[in-house]
């Protein structure tokens, strides 16, 4: 996690702030320069809280969260000049960078879904080398590839890959089901291990974790190359009560989020999500040591049933 004097380049931006890194591996820095209603400190606190529960999330990766920097932190004295001229010290999260998906996967997506006249520009662009894939298991596109090709804007940053596109690309059903199980496990641990609602978290497919850890790492190898699923962005996550009111808070968060999760439509993907969620929830509740934890056993089923 040691820093160098290499200039930082913006690799992403969201409502909470901009994200910077020097290379494809190593640290990333999330600046609090986004919307006024977002809290980077809550992002950091929830990130740390979920990192404490990482041992229960065996199918998903959480980037290591190193520290929270304030405008007065000593770090700025030796590193402010790594940002472009005019940038000032601010609150910032120092964390592990999620390594981007492989070049072959980027080219595959660009050649399949990018307007033909833009492919070379997209592949040569530094911006589009910062490619993370957002797996939208809960949505299919409403338009065809031909119709989409008339649009002259395309980006590989946080590329939304809908479930019908996964099928088009030939990603095996077992892998798509595996994505669903990974999300379900993470959501169950958030609800019944960490006691948070998971509101507005983001899931991405990216290169496997390149930091040597002793924890197992679920990986897939298909048309996208070798990759893992990661979870990030915790600034809108809130604690939830372990009761029916908390369940309704979690249900609301489920439907407010981008369509990462499968929908309760009876599909094999949904059945896998439901099964994994209930299985992991049961383990989380059984591992609790607080008095009266047994009263929680019906709540995961209530959550699933409340989704429809």
C-alpha atoms as a PDB file:
ATOM      1  CA  UNK A   1       0.000   0.000   0.000  1.00  0.00           C
ATOM      2  CA  UNK A   2       3.022   2.292  -0.154  1.00  0.00           C
ATOM      3  CA  UNK A   3       2.514   5.411  -2.235  1.00  0.00           C
ATOM      4  CA  UNK A   4       4.894   6.740  -4.828  1.00  0.00           C
ATOM      5  CA  UNK A   5       5.184  10.112  -6.511  1.00  0.00           C
ATOM      6  CA  UNK A   6       3.522   8.818  -9.659  1.00  0.00           C
ATOM      7  CA  UNK A   7       0.835  11.273 -10.826  1.00  0.00           C
ATOM      8  CA  UNK A   8      -2.730  10.209 -10.106  1.00  0.00           C
ATOM      9  CA  UNK A   9      -5.295   9.859 -12.874  1.00  0.00           C
ATOM     10  CA  UNK A  10      -9.055   9.999 -12.476  1.00  0.00           C
ATOM     11  CA  UNK A  11     -10.449   6.496 -13.013  1.00  0.00           C
ATOM     12  CA  UNK A  12     -14.053   7.040 -12.010  1.00  0.00           C
ATOM     13  CA  UNK A  13     -16.677   9.421 -10.704  1.00  0.00           C
ATOM     14  CA  UNK A  14     -19.923   9.038  -8.817  1.00  0.00           C
ATOM     15  CA  UNK A  15     -22.389  10.967  -6.703  1.00  0.00           C
ATOM     16  CA  UNK A  16     -20.095  10.745  -3.663  1.00  0.00           C
ATOM     17  CA  UNK A  17     -16.883  11.839  -5.374  1.00  0.00           C
ATOM     18  CA  UNK A  18     -14.140  11.103  -7.874  1.00  0.00           C
ATOM     19  CA  UNK A  19     -11.763   8.124  -7.762  1.00  0.00           C
ATOM     20  CA  UNK A  20      -8.056   8.371  -8.599  1.00  0.00           C
ATOM     21  CA  UNK A  21      -5.199   5.913  -9.055  1.00  0.00           C
ATOM     22  CA  UNK A  22      -1.684   5.788 -10.470  1.00  0.00           C
ATOM     23  CA  UNK A  23      -1.886   2.362 -12.118  1.00  0.00           C
ATOM     24  CA  UNK A  24      -4.107  -0.662 -12.653  1.00  0.00           C
ATOM     25  CA  UNK A  25      -2.901  -2.180  -9.389  1.00  0.00           C
ATOM     26  CA  UNK A  26      -2.205  -0.816  -5.943  1.00  0.00           C
ATOM     27  CA  UNK A  27      -4.097   1.922  -4.107  1.00  0.00           C
ATOM     28  CA  UNK A  28      -7.007   4.101  -5.162  1.00  0.00           C
ATOM     29  CA  UNK A  29      -8.160   7.382  -3.649  1.00  0.00           C
ATOM     30  CA  UNK A  30     -11.796   8.452  -3.419  1.00  0.00           C
ATOM     31  CA  UNK A  31     -12.165  12.213  -2.979  1.00  0.00           C
ATOM     32  CA  UNK A  32     -15.191  13.810  -1.321  1.00  0.00           C
ATOM     33  CA  UNK A  33     -15.950  16.170  -4.189  1.00  0.00           C
ATOM     34  CA  UNK A  34     -19.361  14.881  -5.229  1.00  0.00           C
ATOM     35  CA  UNK A  35     -22.913  15.764  -4.249  1.00  0.00           C
ATOM     36  CA  UNK A  36     -23.627  17.614  -0.976  1.00  0.00           C
ATOM     37  CA  UNK A  37     -26.019  14.920   0.277  1.00  0.00           C
ATOM     38  CA  UNK A  38     -23.433  12.121   0.221  1.00  0.00           C
ATOM     39  CA  UNK A  39     -21.132  11.227   3.120  1.00  0.00           C
ATOM     40  CA  UNK A  40     -17.682   9.875   2.418  1.00  0.00           C
ATOM     41  CA  UNK A  41     -17.194   9.273   6.142  1.00  0.00           C
ATOM     42  CA  UNK A  42     -20.232   6.983   6.190  1.00  0.00           C
ATOM     43  CA  UNK A  43     -18.825   5.262   3.103  1.00  0.00           C
ATOM     44  CA  UNK A  44     -15.585   4.647   5.003  1.00  0.00           C
ATOM     45  CA  UNK A  45     -17.272   3.523   8.232  1.00  0.00           C
ATOM     46  CA  UNK A  46     -19.589   1.095   6.460  1.00  0.00           C
ATOM     47  CA  UNK A  47     -16.721  -0.173   4.304  1.00  0.00           C
ATOM     48  CA  UNK A  48     -14.705  -0.930   7.444  1.00  0.00           C
ATOM     49  CA  UNK A  49     -17.749  -2.501   9.105  1.00  0.00           C
ATOM     50  CA  UNK A  50     -18.340  -4.855   6.176  1.00  0.00           C
ATOM     51  CA  UNK A  51     -14.642  -5.620   5.949  1.00  0.00           C
ATOM     52  CA  UNK A  52     -14.957  -6.968   9.504  1.00  0.00           C
ATOM     53  CA  UNK A  53     -17.486  -9.482   8.140  1.00  0.00           C
ATOM     54  CA  UNK A  54     -15.396 -10.468   5.114  1.00  0.00           C
ATOM     55  CA  UNK A  55     -14.799 -13.993   6.420  1.00  0.00           C
ATOM     56  CA  UNK A  56     -18.523 -14.692   5.943  1.00  0.00           C
ATOM     57  CA  UNK A  57     -18.450 -13.493   2.319  1.00  0.00           C
ATOM     58  CA  UNK A  58     -16.617 -16.320   0.606  1.00  0.00           C
ATOM     59  CA  UNK A  59     -17.907 -15.634  -2.921  1.00  0.00           C
ATOM     60  CA  UNK A  60     -17.214 -11.926  -3.265  1.00  0.00           C
ATOM     61  CA  UNK A  61     -14.292  -9.532  -2.932  1.00  0.00           C
ATOM     62  CA  UNK A  62     -14.220  -6.349  -0.831  1.00  0.00           C
ATOM     63  CA  UNK A  63     -11.389  -3.926  -1.636  1.00  0.00           C
ATOM     64  CA  UNK A  64      -9.151  -3.347   1.365  1.00  0.00           C
ATOM     65  CA  UNK A  65      -9.934  -0.029   3.032  1.00  0.00           C
ATOM     66  CA  UNK A  66      -6.730   1.427   4.452  1.00  0.00           C
ATOM     67  CA  UNK A  67      -7.588   4.766   6.032  1.00  0.00           C
ATOM     68  CA  UNK A  68      -9.652   7.937   5.997  1.00  0.00           C
ATOM     69  CA  UNK A  69      -7.793  11.136   5.183  1.00  0.00           C
ATOM     70  CA  UNK A  70      -8.940  14.607   6.217  1.00  0.00           C
ATOM     71  CA  UNK A  71      -7.906  17.928   4.632  1.00  0.00           C
ATOM     72  CA  UNK A  72      -5.351  18.338   7.437  1.00  0.00           C
ATOM     73  CA  UNK A  73      -3.788  14.864   7.124  1.00  0.00           C
ATOM     74  CA  UNK A  74      -0.006  14.749   6.781  1.00  0.00           C
ATOM     75  CA  UNK A  75      -0.434  12.709   3.572  1.00  0.00           C
ATOM     76  CA  UNK A  76      -1.298  15.813   1.567  1.00  0.00           C
ATOM     77  CA  UNK A  77       2.065  17.485   2.200  1.00  0.00           C
ATOM     78  CA  UNK A  78       3.859  14.922   0.072  1.00  0.00           C
ATOM     79  CA  UNK A  79       1.095  13.974  -2.351  1.00  0.00           C
ATOM     80  CA  UNK A  80      -1.078  16.953  -3.297  1.00  0.00           C
ATOM     81  CA  UNK A  81       1.051  17.575  -6.387  1.00  0.00           C
ATOM     82  CA  UNK A  82       0.099  14.124  -7.679  1.00  0.00           C
ATOM     83  CA  UNK A  83      -3.322  15.598  -8.522  1.00  0.00           C
ATOM     84  CA  UNK A  84      -3.768  18.047 -11.401  1.00  0.00           C
ATOM     85  CA  UNK A  85      -3.023  21.695 -10.692  1.00  0.00           C
ATOM     86  CA  UNK A  86      -5.804  23.455  -8.818  1.00  0.00           C
ATOM     87  CA  UNK A  87      -6.924  20.512  -6.701  1.00  0.00           C
ATOM     88  CA  UNK A  88      -7.047  21.108  -2.958  1.00  0.00           C
ATOM     89  CA  UNK A  89      -6.887  18.781   0.071  1.00  0.00           C
ATOM     90  CA  UNK A  90     -10.229  17.255   1.033  1.00  0.00           C
ATOM     91  CA  UNK A  91     -11.664  14.284   2.874  1.00  0.00           C
ATOM     92  CA  UNK A  92     -10.625  11.121   1.051  1.00  0.00           C
ATOM     93  CA  UNK A  93     -10.656   7.325   1.356  1.00  0.00           C
ATOM     94  CA  UNK A  94      -7.393   5.455   0.730  1.00  0.00           C
ATOM     95  CA  UNK A  95      -8.281   1.928  -0.407  1.00  0.00           C
ATOM     96  CA  UNK A  96      -7.246  -0.916  -2.672  1.00  0.00           C
ATOM     97  CA  UNK A  97      -7.976  -0.376  -6.342  1.00  0.00           C
ATOM     98  CA  UNK A  98     -10.296  -2.921  -7.934  1.00  0.00           C
ATOM     99  CA  UNK A  99      -8.235  -4.200 -10.893  1.00  0.00           C
ATOM    100  CA  UNK A 100      -9.967  -3.654 -14.252  1.00  0.00           C
ATOM    101  CA  UNK A 101     -11.276  -6.451 -16.431  1.00  0.00           C
ATOM    102  CA  UNK A 102      -8.923  -7.870 -19.071  1.00  0.00           C
ATOM    103  CA  UNK A 103      -8.177  -6.224 -22.418  1.00  0.00           C
ATOM    104  CA  UNK A 104      -9.693  -9.198 -24.243  1.00  0.00           C
ATOM    105  CA  UNK A 105     -12.968  -8.722 -22.380  1.00  0.00           C
ATOM    106  CA  UNK A 106     -12.938  -5.003 -23.166  1.00  0.00           C
ATOM    107  CA  UNK A 107     -12.398  -5.717 -26.838  1.00  0.00           C
ATOM    108  CA  UNK A 108     -15.151  -8.330 -26.855  1.00  0.00           C
ATOM    109  CA  UNK A 109     -17.690  -5.886 -25.431  1.00  0.00           C
ATOM    110  CA  UNK A 110     -16.558  -3.018 -27.654  1.00  0.00           C
ATOM    111  CA  UNK A 111     -16.702  -5.074 -30.849  1.00  0.00           C
ATOM    112  CA  UNK A 112     -20.121  -6.452 -29.945  1.00  0.00           C
ATOM    113  CA  UNK A 113     -21.891  -3.371 -28.589  1.00  0.00           C
ATOM    114  CA  UNK A 114     -19.946  -0.240 -29.524  1.00  0.00           C
ATOM    115  CA  UNK A 115     -20.827   1.724 -32.696  1.00  0.00           C
ATOM    116  CA  UNK A 116     -18.312   0.385 -35.281  1.00  0.00           C
ATOM    117  CA  UNK A 117     -16.831   3.796 -36.054  1.00  0.00           C
ATOM    118  CA  UNK A 118     -15.933   4.291 -32.379  1.00  0.00           C
ATOM    119  CA  UNK A 119     -14.284   0.948 -31.598  1.00  0.00           C
ATOM    120  CA  UNK A 120     -10.691   2.004 -32.312  1.00  0.00           C
ATOM    121  CA  UNK A 121     -11.101   5.209 -30.322  1.00  0.00           C
ATOM    122  CA  UNK A 122     -12.633   3.327 -27.394  1.00  0.00           C
ATOM    123  CA  UNK A 123      -9.910   0.675 -27.319  1.00  0.00           C
ATOM    124  CA  UNK A 124      -7.114   3.274 -27.509  1.00  0.00           C
ATOM    125  CA  UNK A 125      -8.614   5.478 -24.812  1.00  0.00           C
ATOM    126  CA  UNK A 126      -6.973   5.518 -21.369  1.00  0.00           C
ATOM    127  CA  UNK A 127     -10.381   6.235 -19.875  1.00  0.00           C
ATOM    128  CA  UNK A 128     -11.864   3.037 -21.256  1.00  0.00           C
ATOM    129  CA  UNK A 129      -9.031   0.911 -19.915  1.00  0.00           C
ATOM    130  CA  UNK A 130     -10.612   1.502 -16.497  1.00  0.00           C
ATOM    131  CA  UNK A 131     -13.270  -1.089 -17.273  1.00  0.00           C
ATOM    132  CA  UNK A 132     -15.444  -2.630 -14.584  1.00  0.00           C
ATOM    133  CA  UNK A 133     -18.570  -4.545 -15.583  1.00  0.00           C
ATOM    134  CA  UNK A 134     -21.841  -3.975 -13.740  1.00  0.00           C
ATOM    135  CA  UNK A 135     -23.747  -7.299 -13.885  1.00  0.00           C
ATOM    136  CA  UNK A 136     -27.427  -6.412 -14.258  1.00  0.00           C
ATOM    137  CA  UNK A 137     -29.064  -9.730 -13.443  1.00  0.00           C
ATOM    138  CA  UNK A 138     -32.373  -7.968 -12.844  1.00  0.00           C
ATOM    139  CA  UNK A 139     -32.819  -6.355 -16.250  1.00  0.00           C
ATOM    140  CA  UNK A 140     -32.961  -7.195 -19.934  1.00  0.00           C
ATOM    141  CA  UNK A 141     -32.476  -4.537 -22.585  1.00  0.00           C
ATOM    142  CA  UNK A 142     -35.561  -3.105 -24.233  1.00  0.00           C
ATOM    143  CA  UNK A 143     -33.851  -2.372 -27.547  1.00  0.00           C
ATOM    144  CA  UNK A 144     -31.820  -4.298 -30.075  1.00  0.00           C
ATOM    145  CA  UNK A 145     -28.108  -4.021 -30.751  1.00  0.00           C
ATOM    146  CA  UNK A 146     -28.885  -2.424 -34.122  1.00  0.00           C
ATOM    147  CA  UNK A 147     -30.966   0.296 -32.544  1.00  0.00           C
ATOM    148  CA  UNK A 148     -28.341   0.947 -29.874  1.00  0.00           C
ATOM    149  CA  UNK A 149     -25.617   1.323 -32.510  1.00  0.00           C
ATOM    150  CA  UNK A 150     -27.145   4.598 -33.729  1.00  0.00           C
ATOM    151  CA  UNK A 151     -26.117   6.314 -30.517  1.00  0.00           C
ATOM    152  CA  UNK A 152     -22.738   7.988 -30.720  1.00  0.00           C
ATOM    153  CA  UNK A 153     -21.795   7.691 -27.044  1.00  0.00           C
ATOM    154  CA  UNK A 154     -20.164   4.626 -25.550  1.00  0.00           C
ATOM    155  CA  UNK A 155     -18.059   3.944 -22.476  1.00  0.00           C
ATOM    156  CA  UNK A 156     -16.508   0.848 -20.950  1.00  0.00           C
ATOM    157  CA  UNK A 157     -16.284   2.440 -17.513  1.00  0.00           C
ATOM    158  CA  UNK A 158     -18.814   0.728 -15.250  1.00  0.00           C
ATOM    159  CA  UNK A 159     -20.279  -0.956 -18.308  1.00  0.00           C
ATOM    160  CA  UNK A 160     -23.808  -2.296 -17.590  1.00  0.00           C
ATOM    161  CA  UNK A 161     -23.978  -5.870 -18.858  1.00  0.00           C
ATOM    162  CA  UNK A 162     -27.609  -6.999 -18.857  1.00  0.00           C
ATOM    163  CA  UNK A 163     -28.565 -10.618 -18.438  1.00  0.00           C
ATOM    164  CA  UNK A 164     -29.658 -10.944 -22.093  1.00  0.00           C
ATOM    165  CA  UNK A 165     -26.202  -9.712 -23.155  1.00  0.00           C
ATOM    166  CA  UNK A 166     -24.582 -12.340 -20.939  1.00  0.00           C
ATOM    167  CA  UNK A 167     -26.635 -14.947 -22.764  1.00  0.00           C
ATOM    168  CA  UNK A 168     -25.725 -13.445 -26.161  1.00  0.00           C
ATOM    169  CA  UNK A 169     -22.031 -13.567 -25.318  1.00  0.00           C
ATOM    170  CA  UNK A 170     -22.281 -17.218 -24.357  1.00  0.00           C
ATOM    171  CA  UNK A 171     -21.613 -16.882 -20.635  1.00  0.00           C
ATOM    172  CA  UNK A 172     -22.706 -20.276 -19.264  1.00  0.00           C
ATOM    173  CA  UNK A 173     -25.903 -20.400 -17.239  1.00  0.00           C
ATOM    174  CA  UNK A 174     -23.967 -21.913 -14.335  1.00  0.00           C
ATOM    175  CA  UNK A 175     -21.746 -18.808 -14.227  1.00  0.00           C
ATOM    176  CA  UNK A 176     -24.702 -16.418 -14.361  1.00  0.00           C
ATOM    177  CA  UNK A 177     -26.277 -18.425 -11.559  1.00  0.00           C
ATOM    178  CA  UNK A 178     -22.955 -18.161  -9.726  1.00  0.00           C
ATOM    179  CA  UNK A 179     -23.091 -14.366 -10.009  1.00  0.00           C
ATOM    180  CA  UNK A 180     -26.562 -14.484  -8.452  1.00  0.00           C
ATOM    181  CA  UNK A 181     -25.337 -16.655  -5.584  1.00  0.00           C
ATOM    182  CA  UNK A 182     -22.435 -14.293  -4.897  1.00  0.00           C
ATOM    183  CA  UNK A 183     -24.783 -11.326  -4.646  1.00  0.00           C
ATOM    184  CA  UNK A 184     -27.189 -13.287  -2.445  1.00  0.00           C
ATOM    185  CA  UNK A 185     -24.446 -14.302  -0.039  1.00  0.00           C
ATOM    186  CA  UNK A 186     -23.214 -10.712   0.254  1.00  0.00           C
ATOM    187  CA  UNK A 187     -26.731  -9.372   0.807  1.00  0.00           C
ATOM    188  CA  UNK A 188     -27.488 -11.964   3.492  1.00  0.00           C
ATOM    189  CA  UNK A 189     -24.260 -11.177   5.356  1.00  0.00           C
ATOM    190  CA  UNK A 190     -25.045  -7.467   5.189  1.00  0.00           C
ATOM    191  CA  UNK A 191     -28.540  -8.027   6.573  1.00  0.00           C
ATOM    192  CA  UNK A 192     -28.008 -10.661   9.260  1.00  0.00           C
ATOM    193  CA  UNK A 193     -24.301 -10.430  10.005  1.00  0.00           C
ATOM    194  CA  UNK A 194     -23.490  -6.733   9.698  1.00  0.00           C
ATOM    195  CA  UNK A 195     -27.067  -5.525  10.381  1.00  0.00           C
ATOM    196  CA  UNK A 196     -27.123  -3.052   7.480  1.00  0.00           C
ATOM    197  CA  UNK A 197     -29.583  -2.643   4.617  1.00  0.00           C
ATOM    198  CA  UNK A 198     -27.133  -2.735   1.680  1.00  0.00           C
ATOM    199  CA  UNK A 199     -28.708   0.381   0.201  1.00  0.00           C
ATOM    200  CA  UNK A 200     -27.175   1.487  -3.114  1.00  0.00           C
ATOM    201  CA  UNK A 201     -24.152  -0.819  -2.973  1.00  0.00           C
ATOM    202  CA  UNK A 202     -22.599  -1.666  -6.315  1.00  0.00           C
ATOM    203  CA  UNK A 203     -21.424  -5.005  -7.682  1.00  0.00           C
ATOM    204  CA  UNK A 204     -18.855  -5.291 -10.461  1.00  0.00           C
ATOM    205  CA  UNK A 205     -17.107  -8.041 -12.374  1.00  0.00           C
ATOM    206  CA  UNK A 206     -13.375  -7.318 -12.477  1.00  0.00           C
ATOM    207  CA  UNK A 207     -10.012  -9.042 -12.461  1.00  0.00           C
ATOM    208  CA  UNK A 208      -9.408 -11.310  -9.439  1.00  0.00           C
ATOM    209  CA  UNK A 209      -7.940  -9.894  -6.260  1.00  0.00           C
ATOM    210  CA  UNK A 210      -4.231  -9.315  -6.876  1.00  0.00           C
ATOM    211  CA  UNK A 211      -3.340  -8.882  -3.202  1.00  0.00           C
ATOM    212  CA  UNK A 212      -2.137 -12.076  -1.542  1.00  0.00           C
ATOM    213  CA  UNK A 213      -4.710 -13.108   1.062  1.00  0.00           C
ATOM    214  CA  UNK A 214      -5.352 -16.382   2.807  1.00  0.00           C
ATOM    215  CA  UNK A 215      -9.069 -16.179   2.155  1.00  0.00           C
ATOM    216  CA  UNK A 216     -10.588 -18.251  -0.669  1.00  0.00           C
ATOM    217  CA  UNK A 217     -11.542 -16.346  -3.791  1.00  0.00           C
ATOM    218  CA  UNK A 218     -14.399 -17.396  -6.047  1.00  0.00           C
ATOM    219  CA  UNK A 219     -13.444 -16.920  -9.695  1.00  0.00           C
ATOM    220  CA  UNK A 220     -15.012 -17.592 -13.057  1.00  0.00           C
ATOM    221  CA  UNK A 221     -13.310 -18.211 -16.376  1.00  0.00           C
ATOM    222  CA  UNK A 222     -15.487 -17.731 -19.451  1.00  0.00           C
ATOM    223  CA  UNK A 223     -15.708 -15.451 -22.477  1.00  0.00           C
ATOM    224  CA  UNK A 224     -14.855 -12.513 -20.172  1.00  0.00           C
ATOM    225  CA  UNK A 225     -11.620 -14.192 -19.094  1.00  0.00           C
ATOM    226  CA  UNK A 226     -10.741 -14.902 -15.478  1.00  0.00           C
ATOM    227  CA  UNK A 227     -12.662 -12.644 -13.106  1.00  0.00           C
ATOM    228  CA  UNK A 228     -14.249 -12.250  -9.695  1.00  0.00           C
ATOM    229  CA  UNK A 229     -17.154 -10.261  -8.301  1.00  0.00           C
ATOM    230  CA  UNK A 230     -16.488  -7.231  -6.120  1.00  0.00           C
ATOM    231  CA  UNK A 231     -18.714  -5.054  -3.946  1.00  0.00           C
ATOM    232  CA  UNK A 232     -18.165  -1.314  -3.427  1.00  0.00           C
ATOM    233  CA  UNK A 233     -19.774   2.078  -2.692  1.00  0.00           C
ATOM    234  CA  UNK A 234     -21.239   2.075   0.810  1.00  0.00           C
ATOM    235  CA  UNK A 235     -22.040   5.756   1.410  1.00  0.00           C
ATOM    236  CA  UNK A 236     -25.827   5.233   1.467  1.00  0.00           C
ATOM    237  CA  UNK A 237     -25.765   2.013   3.496  1.00  0.00           C
ATOM    238  CA  UNK A 238     -27.644   2.350   6.789  1.00  0.00           C
ATOM    239  CA  UNK A 239     -27.971   0.211   9.896  1.00  0.00           C
ATOM    240  CA  UNK A 240     -31.227  -1.732  10.188  1.00  0.00           C
ATOM    241  CA  UNK A 241     -33.153  -3.065  13.165  1.00  0.00           C
ATOM    242  CA  UNK A 242     -33.395  -6.813  13.525  1.00  0.00           C
ATOM    243  CA  UNK A 243     -37.191  -6.878  13.279  1.00  0.00           C
ATOM    244  CA  UNK A 244     -40.002  -6.598  10.730  1.00  0.00           C
ATOM    245  CA  UNK A 245     -39.429  -2.869  10.342  1.00  0.00           C
ATOM    246  CA  UNK A 246     -35.801  -3.567   9.486  1.00  0.00           C
ATOM    247  CA  UNK A 247     -36.909  -6.125   6.906  1.00  0.00           C
ATOM    248  CA  UNK A 248     -39.097  -3.532   5.198  1.00  0.00           C
ATOM    249  CA  UNK A 249     -36.133  -1.148   5.147  1.00  0.00           C
ATOM    250  CA  UNK A 250     -34.080  -3.871   3.442  1.00  0.00           C
ATOM    251  CA  UNK A 251     -36.872  -4.560   0.938  1.00  0.00           C
ATOM    252  CA  UNK A 252     -37.022  -0.885   0.026  1.00  0.00           C
ATOM    253  CA  UNK A 253     -33.248  -0.807  -0.449  1.00  0.00           C
ATOM    254  CA  UNK A 254     -33.433  -3.897  -2.698  1.00  0.00           C
ATOM    255  CA  UNK A 255     -35.856  -2.215  -5.100  1.00  0.00           C
ATOM    256  CA  UNK A 256     -34.132   1.197  -4.991  1.00  0.00           C
ATOM    257  CA  UNK A 257     -30.789  -0.200  -6.077  1.00  0.00           C
ATOM    258  CA  UNK A 258     -29.656  -0.552  -9.665  1.00  0.00           C
ATOM    259  CA  UNK A 259     -30.900  -3.868 -11.118  1.00  0.00           C
ATOM    260  CA  UNK A 260     -28.010  -6.042  -9.952  1.00  0.00           C
ATOM    261  CA  UNK A 261     -30.171  -8.600  -8.168  1.00  0.00           C
ATOM    262  CA  UNK A 262     -32.324 -11.150 -10.013  1.00  0.00           C
ATOM    263  CA  UNK A 263     -36.049 -10.460  -9.873  1.00  0.00           C
ATOM    264  CA  UNK A 264     -38.504 -12.829  -8.121  1.00  0.00           C
ATOM    265  CA  UNK A 265     -39.784 -14.328 -11.362  1.00  0.00           C
ATOM    266  CA  UNK A 266     -39.381 -18.037 -10.656  1.00  0.00           C
ATOM    267  CA  UNK A 267     -36.367 -18.379 -12.971  1.00  0.00           C
ATOM    268  CA  UNK A 268     -33.443 -20.656 -12.136  1.00  0.00           C
ATOM    269  CA  UNK A 269     -31.382 -17.549 -11.471  1.00  0.00           C
ATOM    270  CA  UNK A 270     -33.916 -16.310  -8.913  1.00  0.00           C
ATOM    271  CA  UNK A 271     -34.206 -19.741  -7.310  1.00  0.00           C
ATOM    272  CA  UNK A 272     -30.420 -19.849  -6.884  1.00  0.00           C
ATOM    273  CA  UNK A 273     -30.423 -16.337  -5.395  1.00  0.00           C
ATOM    274  CA  UNK A 274     -33.226 -17.216  -2.981  1.00  0.00           C
ATOM    275  CA  UNK A 275     -31.636 -20.494  -1.914  1.00  0.00           C
ATOM    276  CA  UNK A 276     -28.228 -18.901  -1.274  1.00  0.00           C
ATOM    277  CA  UNK A 277     -29.721 -15.927   0.566  1.00  0.00           C
ATOM    278  CA  UNK A 278     -31.704 -18.133   2.957  1.00  0.00           C
ATOM    279  CA  UNK A 279     -28.810 -20.550   3.455  1.00  0.00           C
ATOM    280  CA  UNK A 280     -26.328 -17.796   4.293  1.00  0.00           C
ATOM    281  CA  UNK A 281     -28.873 -15.955   6.448  1.00  0.00           C
ATOM    282  CA  UNK A 282     -29.400 -19.087   8.524  1.00  0.00           C
ATOM    283  CA  UNK A 283     -25.655 -19.404   9.121  1.00  0.00           C
ATOM    284  CA  UNK A 284     -25.361 -15.742  10.105  1.00  0.00           C
ATOM    285  CA  UNK A 285     -28.222 -15.993  12.581  1.00  0.00           C
ATOM    286  CA  UNK A 286     -26.961 -19.243  14.078  1.00  0.00           C
ATOM    287  CA  UNK A 287     -23.548 -17.651  14.616  1.00  0.00           C
ATOM    288  CA  UNK A 288     -24.966 -14.737  16.546  1.00  0.00           C
ATOM    289  CA  UNK A 289     -24.310 -14.793  20.273  1.00  0.00           C
ATOM    290  CA  UNK A 290     -26.576 -11.972  21.420  1.00  0.00           C
ATOM    291  CA  UNK A 291     -29.513 -12.860  23.667  1.00  0.00           C
ATOM    292  CA  UNK A 292     -32.709 -13.669  21.822  1.00  0.00           C
ATOM    293  CA  UNK A 293     -31.068 -14.225  18.469  1.00  0.00           C
ATOM    294  CA  UNK A 294     -33.390 -17.176  17.844  1.00  0.00           C
ATOM    295  CA  UNK A 295     -36.268 -14.758  17.316  1.00  0.00           C
ATOM    296  CA  UNK A 296     -34.631 -13.680  14.051  1.00  0.00           C
ATOM    297  CA  UNK A 297     -35.072 -16.979  12.238  1.00  0.00           C
ATOM    298  CA  UNK A 298     -38.238 -16.002  10.377  1.00  0.00           C
ATOM    299  CA  UNK A 299     -36.977 -12.640   9.156  1.00  0.00           C
ATOM    300  CA  UNK A 300     -34.927 -13.786   6.128  1.00  0.00           C
ATOM    301  CA  UNK A 301     -37.993 -15.653   4.816  1.00  0.00           C
ATOM    302  CA  UNK A 302     -40.070 -12.531   5.410  1.00  0.00           C
ATOM    303  CA  UNK A 303     -37.579 -10.524   3.349  1.00  0.00           C
ATOM    304  CA  UNK A 304     -37.754 -12.954   0.424  1.00  0.00           C
ATOM    305  CA  UNK A 305     -41.555 -13.221   0.612  1.00  0.00           C
ATOM    306  CA  UNK A 306     -41.891  -9.422   0.737  1.00  0.00           C
ATOM    307  CA  UNK A 307     -40.063  -9.089  -2.571  1.00  0.00           C
ATOM    308  CA  UNK A 308     -43.020 -10.704  -4.319  1.00  0.00           C
END
